[in-house]
């Protein structure tokens, strides 16, 4: 492989990401998220992050009242059943 050769990136689909989890390559305790097709290892949630997310979630819930459901830090698409 030459120094000037281009490296091509292959992004994962949500379905492929879920299949990786179903195959046991990723387990529930792995802090991995799929962001724009890239698997990203996430840092553990600290107390400051937790407190701010809870406060913002409460503020948003109060603002939208019964007009919407606030779903904090949940996946956009549900994980398929095993």
PDB file of N, CA and C in Angstrom:
ATOM      1  N   UNK A   1       0.852  -1.175   0.000  1.00  0.00           N
ATOM      2  CA  UNK A   1       0.000   0.000   0.000  1.00  0.00           C
ATOM      3  C   UNK A   1       0.890   1.227   0.000  1.00  0.00           C
ATOM      4  N   UNK A   2       0.739   2.090  -0.970  1.00  0.00           N
ATOM      5  CA  UNK A   2       1.558   3.278  -1.089  1.00  0.00           C
ATOM      6  C   UNK A   2       1.130   4.370  -0.126  1.00  0.00           C
ATOM      7  N   UNK A   3       2.037   5.273   0.182  1.00  0.00           N
ATOM      8  CA  UNK A   3       1.772   6.353   1.128  1.00  0.00           C
ATOM      9  C   UNK A   3       0.676   7.294   0.646  1.00  0.00           C
ATOM     10  N   UNK A   4       0.509   7.407  -0.659  1.00  0.00           N
ATOM     11  CA  UNK A   4      -0.483   8.338  -1.201  1.00  0.00           C
ATOM     12  C   UNK A   4      -1.829   7.685  -1.499  1.00  0.00           C
ATOM     13  N   UNK A   5      -1.953   6.404  -1.182  1.00  0.00           N
ATOM     14  CA  UNK A   5      -3.193   5.686  -1.458  1.00  0.00           C
ATOM     15  C   UNK A   5      -4.320   6.206  -0.560  1.00  0.00           C
ATOM     16  N   UNK A   6      -5.490   6.360  -1.131  1.00  0.00           N
ATOM     17  CA  UNK A   6      -6.634   6.864  -0.379  1.00  0.00           C
ATOM     18  C   UNK A   6      -7.286   5.743   0.412  1.00  0.00           C
ATOM     19  N   UNK A   7      -7.627   6.037   1.647  1.00  0.00           N
ATOM     20  CA  UNK A   7      -8.356   5.098   2.485  1.00  0.00           C
ATOM     21  C   UNK A   7      -9.840   5.410   2.334  1.00  0.00           C
ATOM     22  N   UNK A   8     -10.625   4.401   2.016  1.00  0.00           N
ATOM     23  CA  UNK A   8     -12.065   4.589   1.841  1.00  0.00           C
ATOM     24  C   UNK A   8     -12.791   4.158   3.104  1.00  0.00           C
ATOM     25  N   UNK A   9     -13.676   4.994   3.546  1.00  0.00           N
ATOM     26  CA  UNK A   9     -14.453   4.736   4.756  1.00  0.00           C
ATOM     27  C   UNK A   9     -15.737   4.033   4.365  1.00  0.00           C
ATOM     28  N   UNK A  10     -16.127   3.036   5.155  1.00  0.00           N
ATOM     29  CA  UNK A  10     -17.403   2.347   4.935  1.00  0.00           C
ATOM     30  C   UNK A  10     -18.270   2.563   6.161  1.00  0.00           C
ATOM     31  N   UNK A  11     -19.328   3.275   5.977  1.00  0.00           N
ATOM     32  CA  UNK A  11     -20.224   3.562   7.103  1.00  0.00           C
ATOM     33  C   UNK A  11     -21.195   2.402   7.319  1.00  0.00           C
ATOM     34  N   UNK A  12     -21.569   2.205   8.567  1.00  0.00           N
ATOM     35  CA  UNK A  12     -22.516   1.157   8.927  1.00  0.00           C
ATOM     36  C   UNK A  12     -23.939   1.688   8.882  1.00  0.00           C
ATOM     37  N   UNK A  13     -24.862   0.833   8.514  1.00  0.00           N
ATOM     38  CA  UNK A  13     -26.282   1.173   8.622  1.00  0.00           C
ATOM     39  C   UNK A  13     -26.744   0.802  10.029  1.00  0.00           C
ATOM     40  N   UNK A  14     -27.907   1.297  10.407  1.00  0.00           N
ATOM     41  CA  UNK A  14     -28.479   0.951  11.711  1.00  0.00           C
ATOM     42  C   UNK A  14     -28.683  -0.554  11.799  1.00  0.00           C
ATOM     43  N   UNK A  15     -29.165  -1.164  10.700  1.00  0.00           N
ATOM     44  CA  UNK A  15     -29.407  -2.613  10.688  1.00  0.00           C
ATOM     45  C   UNK A  15     -28.098  -3.387  10.915  1.00  0.00           C
ATOM     46  N   UNK A  16     -27.023  -2.961  10.269  1.00  0.00           N
ATOM     47  CA  UNK A  16     -25.733  -3.626  10.444  1.00  0.00           C
ATOM     48  C   UNK A  16     -25.235  -3.480  11.883  1.00  0.00           C
ATOM     49  N   UNK A  17     -25.421  -2.299  12.449  1.00  0.00           N
ATOM     50  CA  UNK A  17     -25.024  -2.052  13.835  1.00  0.00           C
ATOM     51  C   UNK A  17     -25.775  -2.984  14.778  1.00  0.00           C
ATOM     52  N   UNK A  18     -27.080  -3.147  14.544  1.00  0.00           N
ATOM     53  CA  UNK A  18     -27.875  -4.046  15.389  1.00  0.00           C
ATOM     54  C   UNK A  18     -27.446  -5.500  15.208  1.00  0.00           C
ATOM     55  N   UNK A  19     -27.085  -5.885  13.994  1.00  0.00           N
ATOM     56  CA  UNK A  19     -26.611  -7.254  13.762  1.00  0.00           C
ATOM     57  C   UNK A  19     -25.293  -7.513  14.490  1.00  0.00           C
ATOM     58  N   UNK A  20     -24.439  -6.515  14.572  1.00  0.00           N
ATOM     59  CA  UNK A  20     -23.188  -6.652  15.328  1.00  0.00           C
ATOM     60  C   UNK A  20     -23.506  -6.929  16.799  1.00  0.00           C
ATOM     61  N   UNK A  21     -24.476  -6.211  17.332  1.00  0.00           N
ATOM     62  CA  UNK A  21     -24.889  -6.457  18.716  1.00  0.00           C
ATOM     63  C   UNK A  21     -25.513  -7.826  18.887  1.00  0.00           C
ATOM     64  N   UNK A  22     -26.360  -8.225  17.952  1.00  0.00           N
ATOM     65  CA  UNK A  22     -27.026  -9.535  18.031  1.00  0.00           C
ATOM     66  C   UNK A  22     -26.027 -10.677  17.923  1.00  0.00           C
ATOM     67  N   UNK A  23     -24.920 -10.447  17.221  1.00  0.00           N
ATOM     68  CA  UNK A  23     -23.891 -11.483  17.068  1.00  0.00           C
ATOM     69  C   UNK A  23     -23.033 -11.616  18.324  1.00  0.00           C
ATOM     70  N   UNK A  24     -23.232 -10.721  19.294  1.00  0.00           N
ATOM     71  CA  UNK A  24     -22.475 -10.804  20.541  1.00  0.00           C
ATOM     72  C   UNK A  24     -21.136 -10.089  20.497  1.00  0.00           C
ATOM     73  N   UNK A  25     -20.860  -9.390  19.402  1.00  0.00           N
ATOM     74  CA  UNK A  25     -19.598  -8.649  19.300  1.00  0.00           C
ATOM     75  C   UNK A  25     -19.638  -7.452  20.251  1.00  0.00           C
ATOM     76  N   UNK A  26     -20.780  -6.803  20.320  1.00  0.00           N
ATOM     77  CA  UNK A  26     -20.997  -5.744  21.295  1.00  0.00           C
ATOM     78  C   UNK A  26     -21.971  -6.262  22.335  1.00  0.00           C
ATOM     79  N   UNK A  27     -21.723  -5.934  23.589  1.00  0.00           N
ATOM     80  CA  UNK A  27     -22.631  -6.343  24.661  1.00  0.00           C
ATOM     81  C   UNK A  27     -23.271  -5.093  25.253  1.00  0.00           C
ATOM     82  N   UNK A  28     -24.296  -5.288  26.055  1.00  0.00           N
ATOM     83  CA  UNK A  28     -25.093  -4.187  26.575  1.00  0.00           C
ATOM     84  C   UNK A  28     -24.254  -3.158  27.337  1.00  0.00           C
ATOM     85  N   UNK A  29     -23.215  -3.596  28.033  1.00  0.00           N
ATOM     86  CA  UNK A  29     -22.396  -2.673  28.813  1.00  0.00           C
ATOM     87  C   UNK A  29     -21.395  -1.880  27.976  1.00  0.00           C
ATOM     88  N   UNK A  30     -21.206  -2.234  26.702  1.00  0.00           N
ATOM     89  CA  UNK A  30     -20.323  -1.467  25.831  1.00  0.00           C
ATOM     90  C   UNK A  30     -20.937  -0.094  25.602  1.00  0.00           C
ATOM     91  N   UNK A  31     -20.137   0.930  25.740  1.00  0.00           N
ATOM     92  CA  UNK A  31     -20.623   2.302  25.561  1.00  0.00           C
ATOM     93  C   UNK A  31     -20.315   2.738  24.136  1.00  0.00           C
ATOM     94  N   UNK A  32     -21.002   2.114  23.181  1.00  0.00           N
ATOM     95  CA  UNK A  32     -20.790   2.380  21.765  1.00  0.00           C
ATOM     96  C   UNK A  32     -22.081   2.941  21.185  1.00  0.00           C
ATOM     97  N   UNK A  33     -21.966   4.012  20.415  1.00  0.00           N
ATOM     98  CA  UNK A  33     -23.114   4.584  19.725  1.00  0.00           C
ATOM     99  C   UNK A  33     -22.801   4.668  18.238  1.00  0.00           C
ATOM    100  N   UNK A  34     -23.840   4.561  17.433  1.00  0.00           N
ATOM    101  CA  UNK A  34     -23.702   4.723  15.990  1.00  0.00           C
ATOM    102  C   UNK A  34     -24.084   6.162  15.650  1.00  0.00           C
ATOM    103  N   UNK A  35     -23.112   6.939  15.182  1.00  0.00           N
ATOM    104  CA  UNK A  35     -23.339   8.344  14.852  1.00  0.00           C
ATOM    105  C   UNK A  35     -22.885   8.563  13.415  1.00  0.00           C
ATOM    106  N   UNK A  36     -23.831   8.890  12.554  1.00  0.00           N
ATOM    107  CA  UNK A  36     -23.547   9.093  11.123  1.00  0.00           C
ATOM    108  C   UNK A  36     -22.776   7.929  10.521  1.00  0.00           C
ATOM    109  N   UNK A  37     -23.138   6.713  10.910  1.00  0.00           N
ATOM    110  CA  UNK A  37     -22.522   5.528  10.337  1.00  0.00           C
ATOM    111  C   UNK A  37     -21.220   5.110  10.984  1.00  0.00           C
ATOM    112  N   UNK A  38     -20.716   5.893  11.927  1.00  0.00           N
ATOM    113  CA  UNK A  38     -19.466   5.566  12.627  1.00  0.00           C
ATOM    114  C   UNK A  38     -19.778   5.026  14.010  1.00  0.00           C
ATOM    115  N   UNK A  39     -19.073   3.971  14.408  1.00  0.00           N
ATOM    116  CA  UNK A  39     -19.194   3.454  15.768  1.00  0.00           C
ATOM    117  C   UNK A  39     -18.274   4.290  16.653  1.00  0.00           C
ATOM    118  N   UNK A  40     -18.871   4.961  17.651  1.00  0.00           N
ATOM    119  CA  UNK A  40     -18.141   5.874  18.518  1.00  0.00           C
ATOM    120  C   UNK A  40     -18.186   5.344  19.947  1.00  0.00           C
ATOM    121  N   UNK A  41     -17.009   5.227  20.576  1.00  0.00           N
ATOM    122  CA  UNK A  41     -16.953   4.823  21.981  1.00  0.00           C
ATOM    123  C   UNK A  41     -17.217   6.057  22.832  1.00  0.00           C
ATOM    124  N   UNK A  42     -18.209   5.966  23.682  1.00  0.00           N
ATOM    125  CA  UNK A  42     -18.631   7.100  24.489  1.00  0.00           C
ATOM    126  C   UNK A  42     -18.009   7.024  25.886  1.00  0.00           C
ATOM    127  N   UNK A  43     -17.722   8.185  26.433  1.00  0.00           N
ATOM    128  CA  UNK A  43     -17.201   8.266  27.802  1.00  0.00           C
ATOM    129  C   UNK A  43     -18.335   7.956  28.780  1.00  0.00           C
ATOM    130  N   UNK A  44     -17.995   7.431  29.955  1.00  0.00           N
ATOM    131  CA  UNK A  44     -19.038   7.203  30.967  1.00  0.00           C
ATOM    132  C   UNK A  44     -19.709   8.527  31.347  1.00  0.00           C
ATOM    133  N   UNK A  45     -20.957   8.451  31.749  1.00  0.00           N
ATOM    134  CA  UNK A  45     -21.705   9.643  32.144  1.00  0.00           C
ATOM    135  C   UNK A  45     -21.280  10.034  33.555  1.00  0.00           C
ATOM    136  N   UNK A  46     -20.795  11.268  33.700  1.00  0.00           N
ATOM    137  CA  UNK A  46     -20.390  11.784  35.008  1.00  0.00           C
ATOM    138  C   UNK A  46     -21.554  12.457  35.714  1.00  0.00           C
ATOM    139  N   UNK A  47     -21.340  12.836  36.971  1.00  0.00           N
ATOM    140  CA  UNK A  47     -22.416  13.428  37.765  1.00  0.00           C
ATOM    141  C   UNK A  47     -22.864  14.786  37.222  1.00  0.00           C
ATOM    142  N   UNK A  48     -21.934  15.601  36.705  1.00  0.00           N
ATOM    143  CA  UNK A  48     -22.301  16.908  36.143  1.00  0.00           C
ATOM    144  C   UNK A  48     -23.177  16.720  34.905  1.00  0.00           C
ATOM    145  N   UNK A  49     -22.795  15.791  34.043  1.00  0.00           N
ATOM    146  CA  UNK A  49     -23.576  15.495  32.837  1.00  0.00           C
ATOM    147  C   UNK A  49     -24.976  15.015  33.235  1.00  0.00           C
ATOM    148  N   UNK A  50     -25.031  14.079  34.158  1.00  0.00           N
ATOM    149  CA  UNK A  50     -26.300  13.519  34.629  1.00  0.00           C
ATOM    150  C   UNK A  50     -27.216  14.613  35.156  1.00  0.00           C
ATOM    151  N   UNK A  51     -26.672  15.490  35.994  1.00  0.00           N
ATOM    152  CA  UNK A  51     -27.478  16.562  36.594  1.00  0.00           C
ATOM    153  C   UNK A  51     -28.013  17.513  35.524  1.00  0.00           C
ATOM    154  N   UNK A  52     -27.166  17.879  34.564  1.00  0.00           N
ATOM    155  CA  UNK A  52     -27.603  18.820  33.524  1.00  0.00           C
ATOM    156  C   UNK A  52     -28.634  18.197  32.602  1.00  0.00           C
ATOM    157  N   UNK A  53     -28.447  16.931  32.240  1.00  0.00           N
ATOM    158  CA  UNK A  53     -29.424  16.250  31.384  1.00  0.00           C
ATOM    159  C   UNK A  53     -30.770  16.157  32.100  1.00  0.00           C
ATOM    160  N   UNK A  54     -30.766  15.800  33.368  1.00  0.00           N
ATOM    161  CA  UNK A  54     -32.016  15.709  34.131  1.00  0.00           C
ATOM    162  C   UNK A  54     -32.715  17.060  34.220  1.00  0.00           C
ATOM    163  N   UNK A  55     -31.945  18.112  34.459  1.00  0.00           N
ATOM    164  CA  UNK A  55     -32.544  19.453  34.564  1.00  0.00           C
ATOM    165  C   UNK A  55     -33.138  19.895  33.229  1.00  0.00           C
ATOM    166  N   UNK A  56     -32.387  19.719  32.138  1.00  0.00           N
ATOM    167  CA  UNK A  56     -32.887  20.105  30.820  1.00  0.00           C
ATOM    168  C   UNK A  56     -34.104  19.277  30.406  1.00  0.00           C
ATOM    169  N   UNK A  57     -34.087  18.005  30.742  1.00  0.00           N
ATOM    170  CA  UNK A  57     -35.216  17.133  30.421  1.00  0.00           C
ATOM    171  C   UNK A  57     -36.482  17.600  31.152  1.00  0.00           C
ATOM    172  N   UNK A  58     -36.313  17.945  32.410  1.00  0.00           N
ATOM    173  CA  UNK A  58     -37.467  18.434  33.182  1.00  0.00           C
ATOM    174  C   UNK A  58     -37.984  19.744  32.590  1.00  0.00           C
ATOM    175  N   UNK A  59     -37.071  20.655  32.266  1.00  0.00           N
ATOM    176  CA  UNK A  59     -37.481  21.949  31.695  1.00  0.00           C
ATOM    177  C   UNK A  59     -38.226  21.755  30.374  1.00  0.00           C
ATOM    178  N   UNK A  60     -37.716  20.867  29.522  1.00  0.00           N
ATOM    179  CA  UNK A  60     -38.364  20.623  28.232  1.00  0.00           C
ATOM    180  C   UNK A  60     -39.736  19.966  28.430  1.00  0.00           C
ATOM    181  N   UNK A  61     -39.809  19.015  29.355  1.00  0.00           N
ATOM    182  CA  UNK A  61     -41.098  18.353  29.633  1.00  0.00           C
ATOM    183  C   UNK A  61     -42.136  19.364  30.104  1.00  0.00           C
ATOM    184  N   UNK A  62     -41.726  20.265  30.985  1.00  0.00           N
ATOM    185  CA  UNK A  62     -42.657  21.288  31.470  1.00  0.00           C
ATOM    186  C   UNK A  62     -43.061  22.240  30.343  1.00  0.00           C
ATOM    187  N   UNK A  63     -42.136  22.538  29.451  1.00  0.00           N
ATOM    188  CA  UNK A  63     -42.421  23.467  28.353  1.00  0.00           C
ATOM    189  C   UNK A  63     -43.414  22.882  27.350  1.00  0.00           C
ATOM    190  N   UNK A  64     -43.299  21.601  27.046  1.00  0.00           N
ATOM    191  CA  UNK A  64     -44.179  21.010  26.038  1.00  0.00           C
ATOM    192  C   UNK A  64     -45.463  20.444  26.632  1.00  0.00           C
ATOM    193  N   UNK A  65     -45.493  20.299  27.938  1.00  0.00           N
ATOM    194  CA  UNK A  65     -46.652  19.768  28.671  1.00  0.00           C
ATOM    195  C   UNK A  65     -47.175  18.486  28.036  1.00  0.00           C
ATOM    196  N   UNK A  66     -48.418  18.485  27.602  1.00  0.00           N
ATOM    197  CA  UNK A  66     -49.027  17.288  27.019  1.00  0.00           C
ATOM    198  C   UNK A  66     -48.906  17.237  25.498  1.00  0.00           C
ATOM    199  N   UNK A  67     -48.212  18.188  24.901  1.00  0.00           N
ATOM    200  CA  UNK A  67     -48.121  18.277  23.443  1.00  0.00           C
ATOM    201  C   UNK A  67     -47.105  17.320  22.830  1.00  0.00           C
ATOM    202  N   UNK A  68     -46.164  16.823  23.630  1.00  0.00           N
ATOM    203  CA  UNK A  68     -45.110  15.942  23.112  1.00  0.00           C
ATOM    204  C   UNK A  68     -44.583  15.071  24.238  1.00  0.00           C
ATOM    205  N   UNK A  69     -43.876  14.041  23.871  1.00  0.00           N
ATOM    206  CA  UNK A  69     -43.201  13.166  24.838  1.00  0.00           C
ATOM    207  C   UNK A  69     -41.717  13.467  24.764  1.00  0.00           C
ATOM    208  N   UNK A  70     -41.115  13.727  25.901  1.00  0.00           N
ATOM    209  CA  UNK A  70     -39.676  13.961  25.968  1.00  0.00           C
ATOM    210  C   UNK A  70     -39.014  12.627  26.308  1.00  0.00           C
ATOM    211  N   UNK A  71     -38.167  12.156  25.429  1.00  0.00           N
ATOM    212  CA  UNK A  71     -37.458  10.886  25.619  1.00  0.00           C
ATOM    213  C   UNK A  71     -35.968  11.194  25.693  1.00  0.00           C
ATOM    214  N   UNK A  72     -35.438  11.161  26.884  1.00  0.00           N
ATOM    215  CA  UNK A  72     -34.066  11.594  27.125  1.00  0.00           C
ATOM    216  C   UNK A  72     -33.081  10.435  27.029  1.00  0.00           C
ATOM    217  N   UNK A  73     -32.073  10.589  26.199  1.00  0.00           N
ATOM    218  CA  UNK A  73     -30.962   9.656  26.029  1.00  0.00           C
ATOM    219  C   UNK A  73     -31.411   8.244  25.661  1.00  0.00           C
ATOM    220  N   UNK A  74     -32.477   8.161  24.902  1.00  0.00           N
ATOM    221  CA  UNK A  74     -32.940   6.880  24.388  1.00  0.00           C
ATOM    222  C   UNK A  74     -32.630   6.812  22.902  1.00  0.00           C
ATOM    223  N   UNK A  75     -32.530   5.602  22.354  1.00  0.00           N
ATOM    224  CA  UNK A  75     -32.245   5.510  20.921  1.00  0.00           C
ATOM    225  C   UNK A  75     -33.384   6.088  20.088  1.00  0.00           C
ATOM    226  N   UNK A  76     -33.021   6.617  18.928  1.00  0.00           N
ATOM    227  CA  UNK A  76     -34.030   7.150  18.012  1.00  0.00           C
ATOM    228  C   UNK A  76     -34.853   6.013  17.437  1.00  0.00           C
ATOM    229  N   UNK A  77     -34.164   4.933  17.058  1.00  0.00           N
ATOM    230  CA  UNK A  77     -34.830   3.738  16.537  1.00  0.00           C
ATOM    231  C   UNK A  77     -34.709   2.642  17.585  1.00  0.00           C
ATOM    232  N   UNK A  78     -35.795   1.929  17.864  1.00  0.00           N
ATOM    233  CA  UNK A  78     -35.716   0.866  18.877  1.00  0.00           C
ATOM    234  C   UNK A  78     -34.781  -0.265  18.428  1.00  0.00           C
ATOM    235  N   UNK A  79     -34.164  -0.880  19.400  1.00  0.00           N
ATOM    236  CA  UNK A  79     -33.307  -2.029  19.147  1.00  0.00           C
ATOM    237  C   UNK A  79     -34.202  -3.227  18.855  1.00  0.00           C
ATOM    238  N   UNK A  80     -33.930  -3.991  17.802  1.00  0.00           N
ATOM    239  CA  UNK A  80     -34.765  -5.158  17.507  1.00  0.00           C
ATOM    240  C   UNK A  80     -34.740  -6.180  18.640  1.00  0.00           C
ATOM    241  N   UNK A  81     -35.846  -6.866  18.834  1.00  0.00           N
ATOM    242  CA  UNK A  81     -35.934  -7.911  19.868  1.00  0.00           C
ATOM    243  C   UNK A  81     -34.980  -9.051  19.522  1.00  0.00           C
ATOM    244  N   UNK A  82     -34.445  -9.661  20.555  1.00  0.00           N
ATOM    245  CA  UNK A  82     -33.496 -10.765  20.361  1.00  0.00           C
ATOM    246  C   UNK A  82     -34.197 -12.064  20.162  1.00  0.00           C
TER     247      UNK A  82
END
